[in-house]
C-alpha atoms as a PDB file:
ATOM      1  CA  MET A   1     260.226   7.603 -50.582  1.00  0.00           C
ATOM      2  CA  LYS A   2     259.940   4.139 -49.084  1.00  0.00           C
ATOM      3  CA  LEU A   3     257.492   3.094 -46.329  1.00  0.00           C
ATOM      4  CA  ALA A   4     257.101  -0.066 -44.226  1.00  0.00           C
ATOM      5  CA  ILE A   5     253.540  -1.010 -43.555  1.00  0.00           C
ATOM      6  CA  ASP A   6     252.627  -3.604 -40.843  1.00  0.00           C
ATOM      7  CA  ALA A   7     250.077  -5.313 -42.786  1.00  0.00           C
ATOM      8  CA  MET A   8     248.922  -7.658 -39.938  1.00  0.00           C
ATOM      9  CA  GLY A   9     248.313  -4.950 -37.266  1.00  0.00           C
ATOM     10  CA  GLY A  10     244.897  -3.918 -36.290  1.00  0.00           C
ATOM     11  CA  ASP A  11     241.310  -5.300 -35.946  1.00  0.00           C
ATOM     12  CA  PHE A  12     240.691  -5.825 -39.718  1.00  0.00           C
ATOM     13  CA  ALA A  13     244.151  -6.788 -41.006  1.00  0.00           C
ATOM     14  CA  PRO A  14     245.345  -7.500 -43.487  1.00  0.00           C
ATOM     15  CA  GLN A  15     242.255  -6.854 -45.663  1.00  0.00           C
ATOM     16  CA  ASN A  16     241.842  -3.059 -44.789  1.00  0.00           C
ATOM     17  CA  ILE A  17     245.579  -2.348 -44.522  1.00  0.00           C
ATOM     18  CA  VAL A  18     246.300  -3.751 -47.891  1.00  0.00           C
ATOM     19  CA  ALA A  19     243.414  -1.897 -49.508  1.00  0.00           C
ATOM     20  CA  GLY A  20     244.371   1.247 -47.796  1.00  0.00           C
ATOM     21  CA  ALA A  21     248.013   0.760 -49.055  1.00  0.00           C
ATOM     22  CA  VAL A  22     246.834   0.305 -52.733  1.00  0.00           C
ATOM     23  CA  ALA A  23     244.671   3.332 -52.452  1.00  0.00           C
ATOM     24  CA  ALA A  24     247.794   5.328 -51.089  1.00  0.00           C
ATOM     25  CA  LEU A  25     249.815   4.282 -54.034  1.00  0.00           C
ATOM     26  CA  HIS A  26     247.175   5.323 -56.374  1.00  0.00           C
ATOM     27  CA  ASP A  27     246.985   8.748 -54.772  1.00  0.00           C
ATOM     28  CA  ASN A  28     250.683   9.490 -54.343  1.00  0.00           C
ATOM     29  CA  SER A  29     253.148   8.915 -57.188  1.00  0.00           C
ATOM     30  CA  ARG A  30     255.915  10.131 -55.064  1.00  0.00           C
ATOM     31  CA  ILE A  31     255.848   7.017 -53.128  1.00  0.00           C
ATOM     32  CA  THR A  32     258.360   4.735 -54.713  1.00  0.00           C
ATOM     33  CA  LYS A  33     258.199   1.753 -52.571  1.00  0.00           C
ATOM     34  CA  LEU A  34     255.619   0.146 -49.892  1.00  0.00           C
ATOM     35  CA  TYR A  35     256.780  -2.774 -48.072  1.00  0.00           C
ATOM     36  CA  LEU A  36     253.835  -4.820 -46.872  1.00  0.00           C
ATOM     37  CA  VAL A  37     255.155  -6.798 -43.815  1.00  0.00           C
ATOM     38  CA  GLY A  38     253.168  -9.777 -42.695  1.00  0.00           C
ATOM     39  CA  ASP A  39     251.869 -13.372 -43.597  1.00  0.00           C
ATOM     40  CA  GLN A  40     252.815 -13.393 -47.146  1.00  0.00           C
ATOM     41  CA  PRO A  41     250.141 -15.829 -48.363  1.00  0.00           C
ATOM     42  CA  ARG A  42     247.386 -13.870 -46.722  1.00  0.00           C
ATOM     43  CA  VAL A  43     248.880 -10.436 -47.997  1.00  0.00           C
ATOM     44  CA  GLU A  44     249.101 -11.918 -51.550  1.00  0.00           C
ATOM     45  CA  ALA A  45     245.547 -13.234 -51.308  1.00  0.00           C
ATOM     46  CA  GLU A  46     244.424  -9.526 -50.404  1.00  0.00           C
ATOM     47  CA  LEU A  47     246.476  -8.184 -53.307  1.00  0.00           C
ATOM     48  CA  ARG A  48     245.080 -10.506 -55.827  1.00  0.00           C
ATOM     49  CA  LYS A  49     241.738  -8.753 -55.212  1.00  0.00           C
ATOM     50  CA  PHE A  50     243.103  -5.670 -56.771  1.00  0.00           C
ATOM     51  CA  GLY A  51     244.297  -7.341 -60.004  1.00  0.00           C
ATOM     52  CA  ALA A  52     247.691  -6.997 -61.664  1.00  0.00           C
ATOM     53  CA  SER A  53     250.798  -6.885 -59.352  1.00  0.00           C
ATOM     54  CA  ASN A  54     252.166  -3.525 -58.506  1.00  0.00           C
ATOM     55  CA  ASN A  55     256.108  -2.934 -58.851  1.00  0.00           C
ATOM     56  CA  ARG A  56     255.965  -0.240 -56.108  1.00  0.00           C
ATOM     57  CA  ILE A  57     254.919  -3.150 -53.612  1.00  0.00           C
ATOM     58  CA  ASP A  58     257.371  -5.580 -51.940  1.00  0.00           C
ATOM     59  CA  LEU A  59     256.149  -8.266 -49.749  1.00  0.00           C
ATOM     60  CA  VAL A  60     258.084  -9.089 -46.466  1.00  0.00           C
ATOM     61  CA  HIS A  61     257.236 -12.035 -44.703  1.00  0.00           C
ATOM     62  CA  ALA A  62     256.631 -12.213 -40.966  1.00  0.00           C
ATOM     63  CA  SER A  63     255.906 -15.320 -39.137  1.00  0.00           C
ATOM     64  CA  GLU A  64     254.383 -13.717 -36.086  1.00  0.00           C
ATOM     65  CA  VAL A  65     251.950 -11.094 -35.038  1.00  0.00           C
ATOM     66  CA  ILE A  66     251.814  -8.949 -32.047  1.00  0.00           C
ATOM     67  CA  GLU A  67     248.015  -9.185 -30.949  1.00  0.00           C
ATOM     68  CA  MET A  68     246.152  -6.346 -29.395  1.00  0.00           C
ATOM     69  CA  ASP A  69     246.145  -7.951 -25.761  1.00  0.00           C
ATOM     70  CA  ASP A  70     249.683  -8.919 -25.710  1.00  0.00           C
ATOM     71  CA  SER A  71     252.148  -7.334 -23.148  1.00  0.00           C
ATOM     72  CA  PRO A  72     253.960  -4.583 -25.119  1.00  0.00           C
ATOM     73  CA  VAL A  73     257.256  -5.354 -23.473  1.00  0.00           C
ATOM     74  CA  GLN A  74     257.199  -9.204 -23.768  1.00  0.00           C
ATOM     75  CA  ALA A  75     255.738  -8.988 -27.121  1.00  0.00           C
ATOM     76  CA  VAL A  76     258.629  -7.041 -28.577  1.00  0.00           C
ATOM     77  CA  ARG A  77     261.093  -9.201 -26.867  1.00  0.00           C
ATOM     78  CA  ARG A  78     259.600 -12.424 -27.705  1.00  0.00           C
ATOM     79  CA  LYS A  79     258.006 -11.873 -31.200  1.00  0.00           C
ATOM     80  CA  LYS A  80     260.989 -10.482 -33.033  1.00  0.00           C
ATOM     81  CA  ASP A  81     259.751 -11.864 -36.266  1.00  0.00           C
ATOM     82  CA  SER A  82     256.429 -10.120 -35.701  1.00  0.00           C
ATOM     83  CA  SER A  83     255.066  -7.783 -38.657  1.00  0.00           C
ATOM     84  CA  MET A  84     255.526  -4.949 -36.611  1.00  0.00           C
ATOM     85  CA  CYS A  85     259.050  -5.420 -35.424  1.00  0.00           C
ATOM     86  CA  ARG A  86     260.193  -6.436 -38.891  1.00  0.00           C
ATOM     87  CA  ALA A  87     258.645  -3.391 -40.372  1.00  0.00           C
ATOM     88  CA  ILE A  88     260.506  -1.215 -37.848  1.00  0.00           C
ATOM     89  CA  ASP A  89     263.672  -3.011 -38.670  1.00  0.00           C
ATOM     90  CA  LEU A  90     263.216  -1.843 -42.098  1.00  0.00           C
ATOM     91  CA  VAL A  91     263.287   1.857 -41.022  1.00  0.00           C
ATOM     92  CA  LYS A  92     266.387   0.933 -38.494  1.00  0.00           C
ATOM     93  CA  SER A  93     268.337  -0.296 -41.397  1.00  0.00           C
ATOM     94  CA  GLY A  94     267.322   2.683 -43.676  1.00  0.00           C
ATOM     95  CA  GLU A  95     265.594   0.444 -46.324  1.00  0.00           C
ATOM     96  CA  ALA A  96     262.410   2.435 -45.293  1.00  0.00           C
ATOM     97  CA  ASP A  97     261.792   5.809 -44.228  1.00  0.00           C
ATOM     98  CA  ALA A  98     258.714   5.417 -42.186  1.00  0.00           C
ATOM     99  CA  ILE A  99     256.548   2.890 -40.305  1.00  0.00           C
ATOM    100  CA  VAL A 100     252.885   2.821 -40.395  1.00  0.00           C
ATOM    101  CA  SER A 101     250.963   0.342 -37.938  1.00  0.00           C
ATOM    102  CA  ALA A 102     247.317  -0.102 -36.702  1.00  0.00           C
ATOM    103  CA  GLY A 103     248.562  -2.589 -34.122  1.00  0.00           C
ATOM    104  CA  ASN A 104     249.131  -2.848 -30.407  1.00  0.00           C
ATOM    105  CA  THR A 105     249.712   0.923 -29.569  1.00  0.00           C
ATOM    106  CA  GLY A 106     252.133  -0.031 -26.560  1.00  0.00           C
ATOM    107  CA  ALA A 107     254.170  -2.441 -28.414  1.00  0.00           C
ATOM    108  CA  LEU A 108     254.642  -0.086 -31.409  1.00  0.00           C
ATOM    109  CA  LEU A 109     255.657   2.857 -28.969  1.00  0.00           C
ATOM    110  CA  THR A 110     258.044   0.428 -27.027  1.00  0.00           C
ATOM    111  CA  ALA A 111     259.410  -1.157 -30.294  1.00  0.00           C
ATOM    112  CA  ALA A 112     259.837   2.195 -31.984  1.00  0.00           C
ATOM    113  CA  HIS A 113     261.604   3.709 -28.878  1.00  0.00           C
ATOM    114  CA  LEU A 114     263.991   0.685 -28.339  1.00  0.00           C
ATOM    115  CA  LYS A 115     264.928   0.007 -31.921  1.00  0.00           C
ATOM    116  CA  LEU A 116     265.044   3.450 -33.497  1.00  0.00           C
ATOM    117  CA  ARG A 117     266.118   5.575 -30.373  1.00  0.00           C
ATOM    118  CA  THR A 118     265.470   9.162 -30.094  1.00  0.00           C
ATOM    119  CA  LEU A 119     266.754  12.159 -32.262  1.00  0.00           C
ATOM    120  CA  GLU A 120     269.675  14.332 -31.044  1.00  0.00           C
ATOM    121  CA  GLY A 121     268.424  16.463 -28.368  1.00  0.00           C
ATOM    122  CA  VAL A 122     265.174  14.615 -27.674  1.00  0.00           C
ATOM    123  CA  ASP A 123     264.856  12.851 -24.146  1.00  0.00           C
ATOM    124  CA  ARG A 124     261.643  11.271 -24.610  1.00  0.00           C
ATOM    125  CA  PRO A 125     259.506  10.878 -27.452  1.00  0.00           C
ATOM    126  CA  GLY A 126     255.820  12.077 -27.565  1.00  0.00           C
ATOM    127  CA  LEU A 127     252.576  10.857 -29.249  1.00  0.00           C
ATOM    128  CA  ALA A 128     250.821  13.615 -31.181  1.00  0.00           C
ATOM    129  CA  VAL A 129     247.361  13.582 -32.420  1.00  0.00           C
ATOM    130  CA  ILE A 130     245.402  16.202 -34.359  1.00  0.00           C
ATOM    131  CA  ILE A 131     241.803  17.052 -32.980  1.00  0.00           C
ATOM    132  CA  PRO A 132     239.325  19.114 -35.108  1.00  0.00           C
ATOM    133  CA  ALA A 133     237.669  22.074 -33.548  1.00  0.00           C
ATOM    134  CA  PRO A 134     235.040  24.621 -34.687  1.00  0.00           C
ATOM    135  CA  LYS A 135     237.663  27.084 -35.896  1.00  0.00           C
ATOM    136  CA  ASN A 136     240.901  25.417 -36.160  1.00  0.00           C
ATOM    137  CA  ILE A 137     242.662  22.081 -35.983  1.00  0.00           C
ATOM    138  CA  PHE A 138     244.827  21.466 -32.887  1.00  0.00           C
ATOM    139  CA  VAL A 139     247.778  19.212 -31.958  1.00  0.00           C
ATOM    140  CA  LEU A 140     247.397  17.348 -28.632  1.00  0.00           C
ATOM    141  CA  LEU A 141     250.626  15.793 -27.090  1.00  0.00           C
ATOM    142  CA  ASP A 142     251.649  13.649 -25.337  1.00  0.00           C
ATOM    143  CA  ALA A 143     248.557  11.429 -26.021  1.00  0.00           C
ATOM    144  CA  GLY A 144     250.116   8.080 -24.731  1.00  0.00           C
ATOM    145  CA  ALA A 145     253.908   7.685 -25.059  1.00  0.00           C
ATOM    146  CA  ASN A 146     255.480   9.061 -21.640  1.00  0.00           C
ATOM    147  CA  LEU A 147     253.534   8.496 -18.544  1.00  0.00           C
ATOM    148  CA  GLU A 148     256.077  10.119 -16.080  1.00  0.00           C
ATOM    149  CA  PRO A 149     257.487  13.086 -17.988  1.00  0.00           C
ATOM    150  CA  HIS A 150     259.621  15.864 -16.468  1.00  0.00           C
ATOM    151  CA  ALA A 151     259.003  19.509 -17.231  1.00  0.00           C
ATOM    152  CA  SER A 152     261.839  19.571 -19.809  1.00  0.00           C
ATOM    153  CA  ASN A 153     259.956  16.677 -21.709  1.00  0.00           C
ATOM    154  CA  LEU A 154     256.793  19.112 -22.025  1.00  0.00           C
ATOM    155  CA  VAL A 155     258.984  21.804 -23.423  1.00  0.00           C
ATOM    156  CA  GLN A 156     260.212  19.536 -25.953  1.00  0.00           C
ATOM    157  CA  TYR A 157     256.649  18.364 -26.702  1.00  0.00           C
ATOM    158  CA  ALA A 158     255.907  22.174 -27.213  1.00  0.00           C
ATOM    159  CA  ILE A 159     258.872  22.323 -29.896  1.00  0.00           C
ATOM    160  CA  MET A 160     257.702  19.173 -31.732  1.00  0.00           C
ATOM    161  CA  GLY A 161     253.957  20.425 -31.554  1.00  0.00           C
ATOM    162  CA  SER A 162     254.695  23.772 -32.839  1.00  0.00           C
ATOM    163  CA  LEU A 163     256.814  22.298 -35.769  1.00  0.00           C
ATOM    164  CA  TYR A 164     254.030  19.708 -36.521  1.00  0.00           C
ATOM    165  CA  SER A 165     251.525  22.602 -36.729  1.00  0.00           C
ATOM    166  CA  LYS A 166     253.643  24.584 -39.058  1.00  0.00           C
ATOM    167  CA  GLN A 167     255.257  21.973 -41.511  1.00  0.00           C
ATOM    168  CA  ILE A 168     252.092  19.743 -41.716  1.00  0.00           C
ATOM    169  CA  LEU A 169     248.996  21.915 -40.846  1.00  0.00           C
ATOM    170  CA  GLY A 170     250.407  25.092 -42.108  1.00  0.00           C
ATOM    171  CA  TYR A 171     249.854  27.500 -39.267  1.00  0.00           C
ATOM    172  CA  LYS A 172     252.693  30.220 -39.494  1.00  0.00           C
ATOM    173  CA  GLN A 173     253.032  31.108 -35.990  1.00  0.00           C
ATOM    174  CA  PRO A 174     251.137  28.417 -33.946  1.00  0.00           C
ATOM    175  CA  ARG A 175     249.923  29.151 -30.468  1.00  0.00           C
ATOM    176  CA  VAL A 176     251.125  26.721 -27.788  1.00  0.00           C
ATOM    177  CA  ALA A 177     249.336  26.333 -24.626  1.00  0.00           C
ATOM    178  CA  LEU A 178     249.968  23.915 -21.660  1.00  0.00           C
ATOM    179  CA  LEU A 179     246.855  22.125 -20.228  1.00  0.00           C
ATOM    180  CA  SER A 180     246.190  22.768 -16.571  1.00  0.00           C
ATOM    181  CA  THR A 181     243.519  23.210 -14.131  1.00  0.00           C
ATOM    182  CA  GLY A 182     243.094  26.865 -14.801  1.00  0.00           C
ATOM    183  CA  THR A 183     244.316  29.475 -17.063  1.00  0.00           C
ATOM    184  CA  GLU A 184     246.251  31.584 -14.279  1.00  0.00           C
ATOM    185  CA  ASP A 185     249.910  31.099 -14.117  1.00  0.00           C
ATOM    186  CA  MET A 186     249.754  29.716 -10.700  1.00  0.00           C
ATOM    187  CA  LYS A 187     247.460  26.973 -11.424  1.00  0.00           C
ATOM    188  CA  GLY A 188     248.521  23.310 -11.661  1.00  0.00           C
ATOM    189  CA  ASN A 189     250.791  20.834 -10.170  1.00  0.00           C
ATOM    190  CA  GLU A 190     254.501  20.760  -9.982  1.00  0.00           C
ATOM    191  CA  LEU A 191     254.954  19.545 -13.190  1.00  0.00           C
ATOM    192  CA  THR A 192     252.862  22.038 -15.102  1.00  0.00           C
ATOM    193  CA  LEU A 193     254.238  24.899 -12.799  1.00  0.00           C
ATOM    194  CA  GLU A 194     257.920  24.161 -13.762  1.00  0.00           C
ATOM    195  CA  ALA A 195     256.807  23.551 -17.551  1.00  0.00           C
ATOM    196  CA  HIS A 196     255.195  26.974 -17.612  1.00  0.00           C
ATOM    197  CA  ARG A 197     258.309  28.625 -16.272  1.00  0.00           C
ATOM    198  CA  LEU A 198     260.467  26.807 -18.840  1.00  0.00           C
ATOM    199  CA  LEU A 199     258.121  27.473 -21.690  1.00  0.00           C
ATOM    200  CA  LYS A 200     258.467  31.134 -21.072  1.00  0.00           C
ATOM    201  CA  GLN A 201     262.091  30.740 -22.003  1.00  0.00           C
ATOM    202  CA  THR A 202     261.543  29.205 -25.407  1.00  0.00           C
ATOM    203  CA  ASP A 203     260.922  30.766 -28.922  1.00  0.00           C
ATOM    204  CA  VAL A 204     257.715  29.007 -29.263  1.00  0.00           C
ATOM    205  CA  ASN A 205     254.571  31.189 -29.352  1.00  0.00           C
ATOM    206  CA  PHE A 206     253.577  30.138 -25.850  1.00  0.00           C
ATOM    207  CA  VAL A 207     250.115  31.709 -24.820  1.00  0.00           C
ATOM    208  CA  GLY A 208     250.046  30.283 -21.267  1.00  0.00           C
ATOM    209  CA  ASN A 209     247.791  27.799 -19.603  1.00  0.00           C
ATOM    210  CA  ILE A 210     244.607  26.476 -20.930  1.00  0.00           C
ATOM    211  CA  ASP A 211     241.945  24.356 -19.201  1.00  0.00           C
ATOM    212  CA  GLY A 212     239.442  21.931 -20.401  1.00  0.00           C
ATOM    213  CA  HIS A 213     236.715  24.371 -20.881  1.00  0.00           C
ATOM    214  CA  ASP A 214     238.744  26.008 -23.738  1.00  0.00           C
ATOM    215  CA  LEU A 215     239.954  22.995 -25.677  1.00  0.00           C
ATOM    216  CA  PHE A 216     237.906  23.803 -28.491  1.00  0.00           C
ATOM    217  CA  SER A 217     237.630  27.697 -28.119  1.00  0.00           C
ATOM    218  CA  ASN A 218     240.531  28.455 -30.802  1.00  0.00           C
ATOM    219  CA  ARG A 219     242.747  29.757 -28.124  1.00  0.00           C
ATOM    220  CA  ALA A 220     245.552  27.355 -29.102  1.00  0.00           C
ATOM    221  CA  ASP A 221     246.960  25.458 -31.998  1.00  0.00           C
ATOM    222  CA  VAL A 222     249.124  23.204 -29.762  1.00  0.00           C
ATOM    223  CA  ILE A 223     248.217  21.876 -26.561  1.00  0.00           C
ATOM    224  CA  VAL A 224     250.877  20.186 -24.415  1.00  0.00           C
ATOM    225  CA  THR A 225     250.410  17.712 -21.607  1.00  0.00           C
ATOM    226  CA  ASP A 226     251.619  14.581 -20.000  1.00  0.00           C
ATOM    227  CA  ALA A 227     250.457  11.101 -21.473  1.00  0.00           C
ATOM    228  CA  PHE A 228     248.195  10.210 -18.699  1.00  0.00           C
ATOM    229  CA  VAL A 229     246.056  13.472 -19.165  1.00  0.00           C
ATOM    230  CA  GLY A 230     246.444  13.626 -22.754  1.00  0.00           C
ATOM    231  CA  ASN A 231     245.276  10.066 -23.392  1.00  0.00           C
ATOM    232  CA  ALA A 232     242.308  10.551 -21.273  1.00  0.00           C
ATOM    233  CA  VAL A 233     241.431  13.858 -23.058  1.00  0.00           C
ATOM    234  CA  LEU A 234     241.635  12.086 -26.391  1.00  0.00           C
ATOM    235  CA  LYS A 235     239.387   9.112 -25.311  1.00  0.00           C
ATOM    236  CA  ALA A 236     236.795  11.398 -23.614  1.00  0.00           C
ATOM    237  CA  CYS A 237     236.822  13.430 -26.903  1.00  0.00           C
ATOM    238  CA  GLU A 238     236.139  10.251 -28.941  1.00  0.00           C
ATOM    239  CA  SER A 239     233.236   9.008 -26.503  1.00  0.00           C
ATOM    240  CA  THR A 240     231.798  12.410 -26.349  1.00  0.00           C
ATOM    241  CA  ALA A 241     231.519  12.352 -30.313  1.00  0.00           C
ATOM    242  CA  ARG A 242     229.838   8.831 -30.339  1.00  0.00           C
ATOM    243  CA  LEU A 243     227.319   9.964 -27.668  1.00  0.00           C
ATOM    244  CA  VAL A 244     226.362  13.086 -29.639  1.00  0.00           C
ATOM    245  CA  GLY A 245     226.037  11.169 -32.708  1.00  0.00           C
ATOM    246  CA  TYR A 246     223.901   8.500 -30.949  1.00  0.00           C
ATOM    247  CA  TRP A 247     221.609  10.979 -29.302  1.00  0.00           C
ATOM    248  CA  LEU A 248     221.189  12.769 -32.685  1.00  0.00           C
ATOM    249  CA  LYS A 249     220.190   9.675 -34.323  1.00  0.00           C
ATOM    250  CA  GLN A 250     217.512   8.646 -31.586  1.00  0.00           C
ATOM    251  CA  GLU A 251     216.004  12.186 -31.558  1.00  0.00           C
ATOM    252  CA  LEU A 252     215.712  12.358 -35.527  1.00  0.00           C
ATOM    253  CA  LYS A 253     213.856   9.048 -35.428  1.00  0.00           C
ATOM    254  CA  LYS A 254     211.199  10.116 -32.943  1.00  0.00           C
ATOM    255  CA  ASN A 255     208.703  11.332 -35.324  1.00  0.00           C
ATOM    256  CA  PRO A 256     208.308  11.492 -39.261  1.00  0.00           C
ATOM    257  CA  LEU A 257     208.773  15.276 -39.444  1.00  0.00           C
ATOM    258  CA  ARG A 258     212.175  15.035 -37.828  1.00  0.00           C
ATOM    259  CA  MET A 259     212.979  12.093 -40.197  1.00  0.00           C
ATOM    260  CA  LEU A 260     211.896  14.340 -43.103  1.00  0.00           C
ATOM    261  CA  GLY A 261     214.347  17.093 -41.897  1.00  0.00           C
ATOM    262  CA  ALA A 262     217.190  14.714 -41.457  1.00  0.00           C
ATOM    263  CA  VAL A 263     216.781  13.671 -45.022  1.00  0.00           C
ATOM    264  CA  LEU A 264     216.760  17.379 -46.152  1.00  0.00           C
ATOM    265  CA  ALA A 265     219.727  18.036 -44.080  1.00  0.00           C
ATOM    266  CA  ALA A 266     221.584  15.011 -45.122  1.00  0.00           C
ATOM    267  CA  GLY A 267     224.517  16.832 -46.780  1.00  0.00           C
ATOM    268  CA  ALA A 268     225.174  18.846 -43.718  1.00  0.00           C
ATOM    269  CA  PHE A 269     225.234  15.537 -41.535  1.00  0.00           C
ATOM    270  CA  LYS A 270     227.683  13.954 -43.976  1.00  0.00           C
ATOM    271  CA  ALA A 271     229.876  17.133 -43.774  1.00  0.00           C
ATOM    272  CA  LEU A 272     229.669  16.992 -39.956  1.00  0.00           C
ATOM    273  CA  LYS A 273     230.711  13.483 -40.061  1.00  0.00           C
ATOM    274  CA  ARG A 274     233.770  13.943 -42.214  1.00  0.00           C
ATOM    275  CA  LYS A 275     234.976  16.596 -39.883  1.00  0.00           C
ATOM    276  CA  ALA A 276     234.669  14.488 -36.878  1.00  0.00           C
ATOM    277  CA  ASP A 277     235.679  11.132 -38.392  1.00  0.00           C
ATOM    278  CA  PRO A 278     239.217  10.135 -37.146  1.00  0.00           C
ATOM    279  CA  ASP A 279     239.708   8.195 -40.381  1.00  0.00           C
ATOM    280  CA  GLU A 280     240.235  11.361 -42.023  1.00  0.00           C
ATOM    281  CA  TYR A 281     243.176  12.511 -40.130  1.00  0.00           C
ATOM    282  CA  GLY A 282     245.411   9.590 -40.564  1.00  0.00           C
ATOM    283  CA  GLY A 283     246.324   8.383 -37.020  1.00  0.00           C
ATOM    284  CA  ALA A 284     248.671   9.580 -34.209  1.00  0.00           C
ATOM    285  CA  VAL A 285     252.517  10.323 -34.858  1.00  0.00           C
ATOM    286  CA  LEU A 286     255.341   9.427 -32.604  1.00  0.00           C
ATOM    287  CA  LEU A 287     257.455  12.428 -32.602  1.00  0.00           C
ATOM    288  CA  GLY A 288     261.233  12.458 -31.594  1.00  0.00           C
ATOM    289  CA  ILE A 289     262.234   9.220 -32.695  1.00  0.00           C
ATOM    290  CA  ASN A 290     264.814   8.500 -35.442  1.00  0.00           C
ATOM    291  CA  GLY A 291     262.474   7.710 -38.127  1.00  0.00           C
ATOM    292  CA  ILE A 292     258.760   8.459 -38.824  1.00  0.00           C
ATOM    293  CA  CYS A 293     256.148   6.318 -37.006  1.00  0.00           C
ATOM    294  CA  VAL A 294     252.410   6.667 -37.672  1.00  0.00           C
ATOM    295  CA  LYS A 295     250.033   4.732 -35.421  1.00  0.00           C
ATOM    296  CA  ALA A 296     246.662   4.134 -37.113  1.00  0.00           C
ATOM    297  CA  HIS A 297     243.551   3.357 -35.202  1.00  0.00           C
ATOM    298  CA  GLY A 298     243.138  -0.192 -34.303  1.00  0.00           C
ATOM    299  CA  ALA A 299     239.807  -0.530 -36.195  1.00  0.00           C
ATOM    300  CA  SER A 300     241.164   1.237 -39.034  1.00  0.00           C
ATOM    301  CA  SER A 301     238.918   1.209 -42.384  1.00  0.00           C
ATOM    302  CA  PRO A 302     240.703   1.227 -45.812  1.00  0.00           C
ATOM    303  CA  ASN A 303     240.428   4.913 -45.687  1.00  0.00           C
ATOM    304  CA  ALA A 304     242.069   5.364 -42.412  1.00  0.00           C
ATOM    305  CA  ALA A 305     245.024   3.099 -43.557  1.00  0.00           C
ATOM    306  CA  LYS A 306     245.347   5.185 -46.703  1.00  0.00           C
ATOM    307  CA  ASN A 307     245.375   8.416 -44.739  1.00  0.00           C
ATOM    308  CA  ALA A 308     247.912   7.182 -42.066  1.00  0.00           C
ATOM    309  CA  ILE A 309     250.258   6.351 -45.220  1.00  0.00           C
ATOM    310  CA  ARG A 310     249.627   9.778 -46.392  1.00  0.00           C
ATOM    311  CA  VAL A 311     250.473  11.382 -43.100  1.00  0.00           C
ATOM    312  CA  ALA A 312     253.782   9.333 -43.045  1.00  0.00           C
ATOM    313  CA  ALA A 313     254.699  10.688 -46.445  1.00  0.00           C
ATOM    314  CA  GLU A 314     253.972  14.241 -45.482  1.00  0.00           C
ATOM    315  CA  PHE A 315     256.353  13.882 -42.714  1.00  0.00           C
ATOM    316  CA  ILE A 316     259.056  12.373 -44.987  1.00  0.00           C
ATOM    317  CA  GLU A 317     258.525  15.072 -47.570  1.00  0.00           C
ATOM    318  CA  CYS A 318     258.966  17.952 -45.469  1.00  0.00           C
ATOM    319  CA  GLN A 319     261.949  16.458 -43.600  1.00  0.00           C
ATOM    320  CA  PHE A 320     260.364  16.890 -40.285  1.00  0.00           C
ATOM    321  CA  ASN A 321     262.941  15.365 -38.396  1.00  0.00           C
ATOM    322  CA  GLU A 322     265.820  17.102 -39.876  1.00  0.00           C
ATOM    323  CA  HIS A 323     263.920  20.311 -38.938  1.00  0.00           C
ATOM    324  CA  LEU A 324     263.172  18.916 -35.522  1.00  0.00           C
ATOM    325  CA  VAL A 325     266.816  18.375 -34.671  1.00  0.00           C
ATOM    326  CA  GLU A 326     267.557  21.937 -35.773  1.00  0.00           C
ATOM    327  CA  GLU A 327     264.822  23.383 -33.584  1.00  0.00           C
ATOM    328  CA  THR A 328     265.833  21.344 -30.673  1.00  0.00           C
ATOM    329  CA  ARG A 329     269.628  22.487 -30.995  1.00  0.00           C
ATOM    330  CA  LYS A 330     268.537  25.905 -31.056  1.00  0.00           C
ATOM    331  CA  PHE A 331     266.584  25.676 -27.970  1.00  0.00           C
ATOM    332  CA  HIS A 332     269.518  23.869 -26.117  1.00  0.00           C
ATOM    333  CA  ASP A 333     271.871  26.564 -27.248  1.00  0.00           C
ATOM    334  CA  LYS A 334     269.579  29.220 -25.892  1.00  0.00           C
ATOM    335  CA  VAL A 335     269.323  27.507 -22.510  1.00  0.00           C
ATOM    336  CA  GLN A 336     273.181  27.220 -22.376  1.00  0.00           C
ATOM    337  CA  GLN A 337     273.713  30.766 -23.202  1.00  0.00           C
ATOM    338  CA  ASN A 338     271.169  31.775 -20.588  1.00  0.00           C
ATOM    339  CA  THR A 339     272.811  29.676 -18.031  1.00  0.00           C
ATOM    340  CA  PHE A 340     276.364  30.978 -18.558  1.00  0.00           C
ATOM    341  CA  ALA A 341     275.045  34.608 -18.738  1.00  0.00           C
ATOM    342  CA  GLN A 342     273.629  34.507 -15.325  1.00  0.00           C
ATOM    343  CA  PRO A 343     275.816  36.742 -12.931  1.00  0.00           C
ATOM    344  CA  PRO A 344     277.840  34.721 -10.321  1.00  0.00           C
ATOM    345  CA  ILE A 345     276.349  34.405  -6.911  1.00  0.00           C
ATOM    346  CA  GLU A 346     278.546  36.287  -4.385  1.00  0.00           C
ATOM    347  CA  ALA A 347     279.000  34.690  -1.080  1.00  0.00           C
ATOM    348  CA  ALA A 348     277.721  36.362   1.937  1.00  0.00           C
ATOM    349  CA  SER A 349     280.341  38.647   3.850  1.00  0.00           C
END
């Protein structure tokens, strides 16, 4: 498998991205080629820190960088020789199977959608993230790709998320829930009410509505919502985790006895940190486009970059997009059959 890496994307590029790429190659012998796309002299300088050259790495020079504060649409239009756009072009041409970037999220979603287009049967792509809970790991989507979806888009997200949960996370029959303002069927706005009705007609294991109280209660393995709500939920989860970590540190420092307890419980704290550390999960995946696209965190460490590449490789290996096209086709066939199976409406006499 071959992957294109935006070596200049992110707050700590290219050093962290290159370090993560080298580590990913060390961990996965099935990766035959990594294209590191970016300012060639700077990328080469980072590679030299790791000694001998690697014949599984190709450098692709790009003269521009899409910055974090650039307007996504304008940047994609004007910076055609940016590392991000050039990396996506490698996927478009078939030279690479996936793109991994820690750069500007809006620009990545825009460029991937415009250049790669959506898969057969998919109207809008969705950004999927995985979130750890006490008893499971669940997929949340859409986390930022489509701000004004139709109910049919949420149904497609349910199919995508269910397949993600099966193929990547290993759940045999993932439970799919619709995020709403209450668990009752009649709760929600027009979008969620119509999505609820449509989801009942699918073959996914739809368990109904879920509200914010039950996000971490192991009621669902896939949670579907629109991008505005999904992104707000994701960032609220991240900020809450930071807040709890801060409070814990402050309380443990208040007296020597607590500090001694912290030393004794150091192993437990490290395990907890690993569970909550977003670097371990490899970033978000833009599902539904004609290629694999992984968005790593903007402040990615080398470990985060390595895991983002790992996730992209997993999607390639399991032929995720081929399975998604098949599942989407089955759904559309079922909808069409149900439509034609409806008895004709008789005119009133």
